[in-house]
Amino acid sequence: MTKFISRKDLTLFISFTAIVLALPFLAAPFGAAYPDLLQRFMIFGIFAIGFNILFGLTGYLSFGHAAFFGVGSYAAMWSFKLLSTNAIPALIFAVIVAGIFALVIGFVSLRRSGIYFSILTLAFAQMSYNLAYSVLTPITNGETGLRMALSDPRVLDRMFFEVPAGTPVPSLFGATLSGWNGFFFSAVFLIATFFLAMRITNSPFGMMLKGIKSNQNRMNYTGFNTRPYTLTAFVISGMLAGLAGALLVVTDPLAGAERMRWTASGEVVLMTILGGVGTLVGPVIGAWVIKYFENIFSSFNNNILYNFWSFLPEGMQSTVVYISSKFVGEGWHLTLGLVFMLIVIFLPGGIMEGARRIGALLERISGRTRSRSELKPTAAE
């Protein structure tokens, strides 16, 4: 009987789990050890992993994944309002609704490939954004967005529990999901999503998806029907995007149309390319880097820069602070753009390609060291 998981995959999974759970300590030196920010690291890591299952394995570049992200947010919010403030039913409902939505859009979009597929997904995402923003206002509450309110029915809560006074907030069987509770709750789902992606990548289904990416026409010419595989990958990817959107509602109990804009779709593309398309860990790293830039690097001001460059002479310090201030704060997009440009030019495989190159270099250095030690004559000789 074949092994359920190889030793290499088990080592990778354990290492990834340890890093995720230790992130509150690992992020402290970088000034990012805040539960709300780390929770976003987890959420957008799930979003990027889900997108990578479609783009990284099949080669289909979607510019409309924000639609599933937003649909998951709205579905979770309606679950909170109608059923219960418990997060579990909301997440299940969001994944199901996002999966059905992805099935419909994927069935139409996957009739085309290449740039035509990308344009179709972008069109569907923009249609979804406009519907949420102005047409379906009784469901989405338009530009204001949906929030939980005291007047919400919350049928299950009122049926089995005594509804507490005050503004309702998402919870897990009575425990609020704010602060570190929310971080570890989201971390469990990121770890589970990573395990799912790892199993898909190394499964026969994943091999089929890689074959489609390599040469879909050749597979079609052999009589192999690739559409069920690409559609399944599209639906799984959309469901994980819906899960990420629902978890964001747990963090920030607001479902708004802005989460469905094309810029959100472009952001997850950047995350995946920056970390490494087709890799397991790369999209998560890319998501963390971009969210760090957005939330921490963008908050740097002149006072922080003066303290950072305090070792320079006074005249030089002012000049260096003036120049560097253009790349932080409101100019953080400029720095991110430069980093992305350097990655694409020198490391087309993303950050993970850089890690592989460093690993190969260290291995060569250690190999040369061992060879020299073996060739060195001993005292007895």
Protein backbone atom coordinates (compact mmCIF):
# COMPACT_ATOMS: atom_id res chain seq x y z
CA MET A 1 0.00 0.00 0.00
CA THR A 2 1.34 3.44 -0.91
CA LYS A 3 2.16 5.94 1.76
CA PHE A 4 -0.45 8.58 2.53
CA ILE A 5 2.27 11.23 2.63
CA SER A 6 5.95 11.05 1.83
CA ARG A 7 8.64 11.89 4.33
CA LYS A 8 9.63 14.98 2.32
CA ASP A 9 6.05 16.31 2.28
CA LEU A 10 5.62 15.52 5.98
CA THR A 11 8.79 17.46 6.79
CA LEU A 12 7.59 20.40 4.69
CA PHE A 13 4.16 20.37 6.33
CA ILE A 14 5.57 20.20 9.87
CA SER A 15 8.03 23.01 9.11
CA PHE A 16 5.29 25.18 7.61
CA THR A 17 3.00 24.54 10.59
CA ALA A 18 5.75 25.41 13.06
CA ILE A 19 6.56 28.67 11.27
CA VAL A 20 2.90 29.71 11.08
CA LEU A 21 2.26 29.03 14.77
CA ALA A 22 5.51 30.75 15.77
CA LEU A 23 4.79 33.80 13.61
CA PRO A 24 3.87 36.04 16.58
CA PHE A 25 7.47 35.65 17.77
CA LEU A 26 9.13 35.61 14.34
CA ALA A 27 7.33 38.78 13.22
CA ALA A 28 8.20 40.77 16.36
CA PRO A 29 11.63 41.99 15.12
CA PHE A 30 9.95 43.35 11.98
CA GLY A 31 7.30 45.24 13.94
CA ALA A 32 4.48 43.05 12.62
CA ALA A 33 3.51 41.08 15.73
CA TYR A 34 -0.06 42.42 15.83
CA PRO A 35 -2.90 39.88 15.92
CA ASP A 36 -5.06 41.75 13.39
CA LEU A 37 -2.18 42.03 10.91
CA LEU A 38 -1.08 38.42 11.39
CA GLN A 39 -4.68 37.35 10.89
CA ARG A 40 -4.60 39.09 7.53
CA PHE A 41 -1.37 37.25 6.77
CA MET A 42 -3.27 34.01 7.30
CA ILE A 43 -6.32 35.07 5.29
CA PHE A 44 -4.47 36.32 2.24
CA GLY A 45 -2.17 33.31 2.43
CA ILE A 46 -5.28 31.15 1.93
CA PHE A 47 -6.41 33.41 -0.92
CA ALA A 48 -3.03 33.10 -2.65
CA ILE A 49 -2.84 29.30 -2.19
CA GLY A 50 -6.31 28.93 -3.71
CA PHE A 51 -5.38 31.13 -6.66
CA ASN A 52 -2.16 29.17 -7.18
CA ILE A 53 -4.11 25.91 -7.51
CA LEU A 54 -5.63 27.35 -10.68
CA PHE A 55 -2.82 29.52 -12.04
CA GLY A 56 0.19 27.59 -10.79
CA LEU A 57 -1.01 24.11 -11.71
CA THR A 58 -3.13 24.64 -14.85
CA GLY A 59 -1.62 27.88 -16.18
CA TYR A 60 -5.02 29.60 -16.40
CA LEU A 61 -4.53 33.23 -15.30
CA SER A 62 -7.71 34.56 -13.71
CA PHE A 63 -8.21 38.29 -13.21
CA GLY A 64 -11.52 37.79 -11.44
CA HIS A 65 -10.82 35.93 -8.21
CA ALA A 66 -11.87 38.93 -6.16
CA ALA A 67 -15.44 38.07 -7.14
CA PHE A 68 -15.30 34.81 -5.16
CA PHE A 69 -13.53 36.61 -2.32
CA GLY A 70 -16.36 39.14 -2.14
CA VAL A 71 -19.11 36.55 -2.52
CA GLY A 72 -17.61 34.63 0.40
CA SER A 73 -17.67 37.81 2.48
CA TYR A 74 -21.32 38.53 1.70
CA ALA A 75 -22.38 34.92 2.29
CA ALA A 76 -20.63 34.81 5.67
CA MET A 77 -22.18 38.12 6.72
CA TRP A 78 -25.68 36.92 5.81
CA SER A 79 -25.05 33.76 7.82
CA PHE A 80 -24.09 35.91 10.80
CA LYS A 81 -27.20 38.04 10.37
CA LEU A 82 -29.73 35.27 9.68
CA LEU A 83 -28.45 32.20 11.50
CA SER A 84 -25.80 32.67 14.17
CA THR A 85 -22.73 34.63 15.16
CA ASN A 86 -20.87 31.30 15.26
CA ALA A 87 -18.17 31.36 12.60
CA ILE A 88 -18.39 27.68 11.58
CA PRO A 89 -21.81 27.85 9.83
CA ALA A 90 -20.75 31.12 8.20
CA LEU A 91 -17.58 29.59 6.77
CA ILE A 92 -19.41 26.51 5.49
CA PHE A 93 -22.11 28.64 3.87
CA ALA A 94 -19.51 30.96 2.30
CA VAL A 95 -17.50 28.07 0.81
CA ILE A 96 -20.65 26.48 -0.67
CA VAL A 97 -21.94 29.73 -2.18
CA ALA A 98 -18.50 30.65 -3.57
CA GLY A 99 -18.18 27.15 -5.02
CA ILE A 100 -21.53 27.38 -6.83
CA PHE A 101 -20.63 30.84 -8.12
CA ALA A 102 -17.24 29.56 -9.32
CA LEU A 103 -18.92 26.61 -11.04
CA VAL A 104 -21.13 28.94 -13.07
CA ILE A 105 -18.36 31.37 -14.00
CA GLY A 106 -15.85 28.60 -14.67
CA PHE A 107 -18.27 26.71 -16.92
CA VAL A 108 -18.51 29.77 -19.18
CA SER A 109 -14.95 31.14 -18.89
CA LEU A 110 -13.15 27.84 -19.47
CA ARG A 111 -14.59 27.61 -22.96
CA ARG A 112 -11.68 29.89 -23.83
CA SER A 113 -8.03 29.84 -22.82
CA GLY A 114 -5.11 32.25 -22.67
CA ILE A 115 -5.81 35.96 -22.70
CA TYR A 116 -9.45 35.38 -23.64
CA PHE A 117 -10.00 33.39 -20.43
CA SER A 118 -8.34 36.16 -18.41
CA ILE A 119 -10.54 38.83 -20.01
CA LEU A 120 -13.69 36.77 -19.37
CA THR A 121 -12.89 36.36 -15.67
CA LEU A 122 -12.09 40.07 -15.40
CA ALA A 123 -15.44 40.91 -17.03
CA PHE A 124 -17.34 38.63 -14.64
CA ALA A 125 -15.53 40.19 -11.66
CA GLN A 126 -16.39 43.73 -12.77
CA MET A 127 -20.00 42.70 -13.37
CA SER A 128 -20.11 41.25 -9.86
CA TYR A 129 -18.63 44.43 -8.41
CA ASN A 130 -21.17 46.65 -10.19
CA LEU A 131 -24.04 44.38 -9.16
CA ALA A 132 -22.94 44.52 -5.53
CA TYR A 133 -22.28 48.25 -5.62
CA SER A 134 -25.44 49.54 -7.27
CA VAL A 135 -27.90 46.88 -8.49
CA LEU A 136 -28.27 44.35 -5.67
CA THR A 137 -28.36 46.93 -2.90
CA PRO A 138 -31.16 45.14 -0.97
CA ILE A 139 -28.72 42.23 -0.56
CA THR A 140 -25.37 44.03 -0.43
CA ASN A 141 -26.36 47.43 1.01
CA GLY A 142 -24.45 49.10 -1.82
CA GLU A 143 -21.43 51.27 -1.09
CA THR A 144 -22.13 51.27 2.66
CA GLY A 145 -21.71 47.52 2.95
CA LEU A 146 -23.26 44.96 5.28
CA ARG A 147 -22.76 44.97 9.04
CA MET A 148 -24.18 42.96 11.92
CA ALA A 149 -26.93 44.67 13.91
CA LEU A 150 -28.94 44.06 17.07
CA SER A 151 -32.11 43.70 14.99
CA ASP A 152 -30.73 40.76 12.97
CA PRO A 153 -32.88 37.59 13.21
CA ARG A 154 -30.03 35.20 14.17
CA VAL A 155 -32.52 32.33 14.28
CA LEU A 156 -30.20 29.65 15.64
CA ASP A 157 -28.83 31.88 18.40
CA ARG A 158 -32.28 32.90 19.60
CA MET A 159 -33.51 29.33 19.39
CA PHE A 160 -30.81 27.67 21.50
CA PHE A 161 -29.04 30.43 23.44
CA GLU A 162 -29.77 33.62 25.31
CA VAL A 163 -28.74 36.43 22.99
CA PRO A 164 -26.38 38.81 24.87
CA ALA A 165 -26.94 42.55 24.82
CA GLY A 166 -24.64 44.75 22.82
CA THR A 167 -23.34 44.75 19.27
CA PRO A 168 -23.02 41.16 17.98
CA VAL A 169 -19.56 39.98 17.00
CA PRO A 170 -18.34 36.75 15.33
CA SER A 171 -17.52 33.99 17.80
CA LEU A 172 -16.67 30.31 18.06
CA PHE A 173 -19.09 28.59 20.44
CA GLY A 174 -19.15 31.64 22.69
CA ALA A 175 -15.46 32.61 22.43
CA THR A 176 -14.90 35.86 20.56
CA LEU A 177 -12.60 35.70 17.55
CA SER A 178 -10.81 38.98 18.06
CA GLY A 179 -7.13 39.36 18.92
CA TRP A 180 -5.02 36.24 19.24
CA ASN A 181 -8.06 33.96 19.18
CA GLY A 182 -8.78 35.18 15.68
CA PHE A 183 -5.17 34.69 14.61
CA PHE A 184 -4.98 31.06 15.73
CA PHE A 185 -8.43 30.37 14.31
CA SER A 186 -7.31 31.65 10.90
CA ALA A 187 -3.94 29.89 11.24
CA VAL A 188 -5.69 26.51 11.53
CA PHE A 189 -7.45 27.14 8.21
CA LEU A 190 -4.22 28.29 6.54
CA ILE A 191 -2.46 25.10 7.68
CA ALA A 192 -5.39 22.97 6.47
CA THR A 193 -5.42 24.81 3.13
CA PHE A 194 -1.68 24.28 2.73
CA PHE A 195 -2.10 20.56 3.41
CA LEU A 196 -4.91 20.38 0.84
CA ALA A 197 -2.78 22.15 -1.78
CA MET A 198 0.13 19.84 -1.04
CA ARG A 199 -2.05 16.75 -1.47
CA ILE A 200 -3.56 18.10 -4.70
CA THR A 201 -0.16 18.98 -6.14
CA ASN A 202 1.26 15.49 -5.54
CA SER A 203 -1.88 13.55 -6.50
CA PRO A 204 -2.78 12.04 -9.90
CA PHE A 205 -5.27 14.90 -10.24
CA GLY A 206 -2.44 17.37 -9.72
CA MET A 207 -0.32 15.56 -12.30
CA MET A 208 -3.19 15.94 -14.79
CA LEU A 209 -3.34 19.68 -14.07
CA LYS A 210 0.42 20.00 -14.62
CA GLY A 211 0.03 18.14 -17.90
CA ILE A 212 -2.66 20.61 -18.96
CA LYS A 213 -0.35 23.50 -18.14
CA SER A 214 2.51 21.90 -20.04
CA ASN A 215 0.59 21.18 -23.27
CA GLN A 216 -3.19 21.15 -23.16
CA ASN A 217 -3.54 20.79 -26.95
CA ARG A 218 -1.50 17.59 -26.98
CA MET A 219 -3.68 16.12 -24.24
CA ASN A 220 -6.81 17.06 -26.18
CA TYR A 221 -5.43 15.48 -29.36
CA THR A 222 -4.95 12.19 -27.56
CA GLY A 223 -8.67 12.14 -26.77
CA PHE A 224 -8.26 13.23 -23.16
CA ASN A 225 -11.04 15.57 -21.98
CA THR A 226 -9.32 18.27 -19.96
CA ARG A 227 -12.35 20.45 -19.18
CA PRO A 228 -13.59 18.52 -16.11
CA TYR A 229 -10.11 18.83 -14.57
CA THR A 230 -9.74 22.55 -15.24
CA LEU A 231 -13.29 23.20 -14.05
CA THR A 232 -12.64 21.26 -10.83
CA ALA A 233 -9.45 23.25 -10.23
CA PHE A 234 -11.38 26.48 -10.89
CA VAL A 235 -14.12 25.54 -8.41
CA ILE A 236 -11.63 24.51 -5.70
CA SER A 237 -9.76 27.77 -6.23
CA GLY A 238 -12.98 29.77 -5.99
CA MET A 239 -14.07 27.96 -2.82
CA LEU A 240 -10.76 28.76 -1.12
CA ALA A 241 -11.13 32.40 -2.18
CA GLY A 242 -14.60 32.36 -0.62
CA LEU A 243 -13.15 30.89 2.57
CA ALA A 244 -10.61 33.71 2.71
CA GLY A 245 -13.36 36.29 2.20
CA ALA A 246 -15.42 34.76 4.99
CA LEU A 247 -12.45 34.80 7.37
CA LEU A 248 -11.90 38.47 6.58
CA VAL A 249 -15.47 39.13 7.73
CA VAL A 250 -14.60 37.36 10.99
CA THR A 251 -11.66 39.75 11.38
CA ASP A 252 -13.52 42.85 10.19
CA PRO A 253 -17.33 42.35 10.42
CA LEU A 254 -18.06 44.28 7.24
CA ALA A 255 -18.85 42.97 3.76
CA GLY A 256 -18.38 45.62 1.10
CA ALA A 257 -18.24 45.79 -2.68
CA GLU A 258 -14.68 47.15 -2.64
CA ARG A 259 -13.43 43.64 -1.90
CA MET A 260 -14.60 42.62 -5.38
CA ARG A 261 -12.75 45.31 -7.35
CA TRP A 262 -10.28 44.35 -10.07
CA THR A 263 -7.41 45.71 -7.97
CA ALA A 264 -8.04 42.94 -5.41
CA SER A 265 -7.78 40.37 -8.21
CA GLY A 266 -4.54 41.96 -9.38
CA GLU A 267 -3.18 41.89 -5.85
CA VAL A 268 -3.48 38.11 -5.54
CA VAL A 269 -1.75 37.75 -8.93
CA LEU A 270 1.16 39.83 -7.60
CA MET A 271 1.29 37.74 -4.43
CA THR A 272 1.58 34.51 -6.39
CA ILE A 273 4.15 35.77 -8.90
CA LEU A 274 6.22 37.47 -6.20
CA GLY A 275 6.43 34.31 -4.09
CA GLY A 276 6.71 31.80 -6.91
CA VAL A 277 4.05 30.47 -9.29
CA GLY A 278 3.42 26.75 -8.93
CA THR A 279 5.23 26.41 -5.61
CA LEU A 280 3.56 25.49 -2.35
CA VAL A 281 5.12 28.03 0.02
CA GLY A 282 5.78 30.83 -2.46
CA PRO A 283 2.25 32.30 -2.70
CA VAL A 284 2.01 32.47 1.10
CA ILE A 285 5.35 34.31 1.32
CA GLY A 286 4.24 36.68 -1.44
CA ALA A 287 1.00 37.41 0.43
CA TRP A 288 2.90 38.11 3.64
CA VAL A 289 5.38 40.43 1.89
CA ILE A 290 2.68 42.51 0.23
CA LYS A 291 0.58 42.77 3.39
CA TYR A 292 3.68 43.76 5.35
CA PHE A 293 4.39 46.54 2.87
CA GLU A 294 0.77 47.66 2.93
CA ASN A 295 0.37 47.76 6.71
CA ILE A 296 3.84 48.32 8.23
CA PHE A 297 6.15 49.74 5.58
CA SER A 298 3.49 52.27 4.60
CA SER A 299 3.41 53.63 8.16
CA PHE A 300 7.06 54.73 8.19
CA ASN A 301 7.42 58.50 8.63
CA ASN A 302 10.26 61.01 8.83
CA ASN A 303 10.74 60.49 12.58
CA ILE A 304 11.34 56.77 12.05
CA LEU A 305 13.70 57.53 9.16
CA TYR A 306 15.68 60.05 11.21
CA ASN A 307 16.12 57.45 13.95
CA PHE A 308 17.12 54.82 11.39
CA TRP A 309 19.74 57.04 9.74
CA SER A 310 20.93 58.58 13.02
CA PHE A 311 24.47 57.23 12.53
CA LEU A 312 24.99 59.55 9.53
CA PRO A 313 26.34 63.12 9.79
CA GLU A 314 23.61 65.71 10.17
CA GLY A 315 23.79 67.17 6.65
CA MET A 316 23.94 63.78 4.99
CA GLN A 317 21.21 62.45 7.27
CA SER A 318 18.70 65.07 6.08
CA THR A 319 19.46 64.30 2.43
CA VAL A 320 19.17 60.54 2.89
CA VAL A 321 15.91 60.95 4.85
CA TYR A 322 14.46 63.16 2.11
CA ILE A 323 15.31 60.60 -0.59
CA SER A 324 14.20 57.54 1.36
CA SER A 325 10.92 59.22 2.41
CA LYS A 326 9.77 58.96 -1.20
CA PHE A 327 9.86 55.15 -0.92
CA VAL A 328 7.96 54.71 2.36
CA GLY A 329 4.70 56.00 3.76
CA GLU A 330 2.45 56.95 0.86
CA GLY A 331 5.21 55.94 -1.53
CA TRP A 332 5.29 52.29 -0.44
CA HIS A 333 3.82 51.25 -3.80
CA LEU A 334 6.98 52.58 -5.45
CA THR A 335 9.16 50.33 -3.32
CA LEU A 336 6.90 47.35 -3.91
CA GLY A 337 6.99 48.03 -7.63
CA LEU A 338 10.80 48.12 -7.63
CA VAL A 339 10.97 44.88 -5.64
CA PHE A 340 8.51 43.21 -8.00
CA MET A 341 10.44 44.43 -11.03
CA LEU A 342 13.74 43.09 -9.67
CA ILE A 343 12.12 39.75 -8.82
CA VAL A 344 10.62 39.36 -12.30
CA ILE A 345 13.88 40.33 -14.05
CA PHE A 346 16.41 38.41 -11.97
CA LEU A 347 14.26 35.72 -10.31
CA PRO A 348 11.44 34.76 -12.73
CA GLY A 349 10.51 31.92 -10.36
CA GLY A 350 9.87 34.38 -7.53
CA ILE A 351 11.27 34.45 -4.03
CA MET A 352 11.31 30.65 -3.91
CA GLU A 353 13.70 30.56 -6.87
CA GLY A 354 16.03 32.84 -4.93
CA ALA A 355 15.79 30.49 -1.95
CA ARG A 356 16.59 27.50 -4.18
CA ARG A 357 19.62 29.29 -5.66
CA ILE A 358 20.94 30.13 -2.21
CA GLY A 359 20.40 26.53 -1.10
CA ALA A 360 22.22 25.19 -4.17
CA LEU A 361 25.10 27.63 -3.59
CA LEU A 362 25.46 26.59 0.04
CA GLU A 363 25.36 22.94 -0.98
CA ARG A 364 28.15 23.50 -3.52
CA ILE A 365 30.25 25.35 -0.95
CA SER A 366 29.78 22.60 1.62
CA GLY A 367 30.60 19.97 -1.04
CA ARG A 368 33.84 21.71 -1.93
CA THR A 369 34.75 21.97 1.75
CA ARG A 370 34.19 18.25 2.24
CA SER A 371 36.21 17.44 -0.87
CA ARG A 372 39.16 19.51 0.34
CA SER A 373 39.06 17.91 3.77
CA GLU A 374 39.04 14.46 2.19
CA LEU A 375 42.00 15.30 -0.08
CA LYS A 376 44.10 16.84 2.72
CA PRO A 377 46.79 14.29 3.78
CA THR A 378 46.64 13.05 7.33
CA ALA A 379 49.58 13.15 9.77
CA ALA A 380 50.09 9.40 9.42
CA GLU A 381 50.53 9.73 5.66
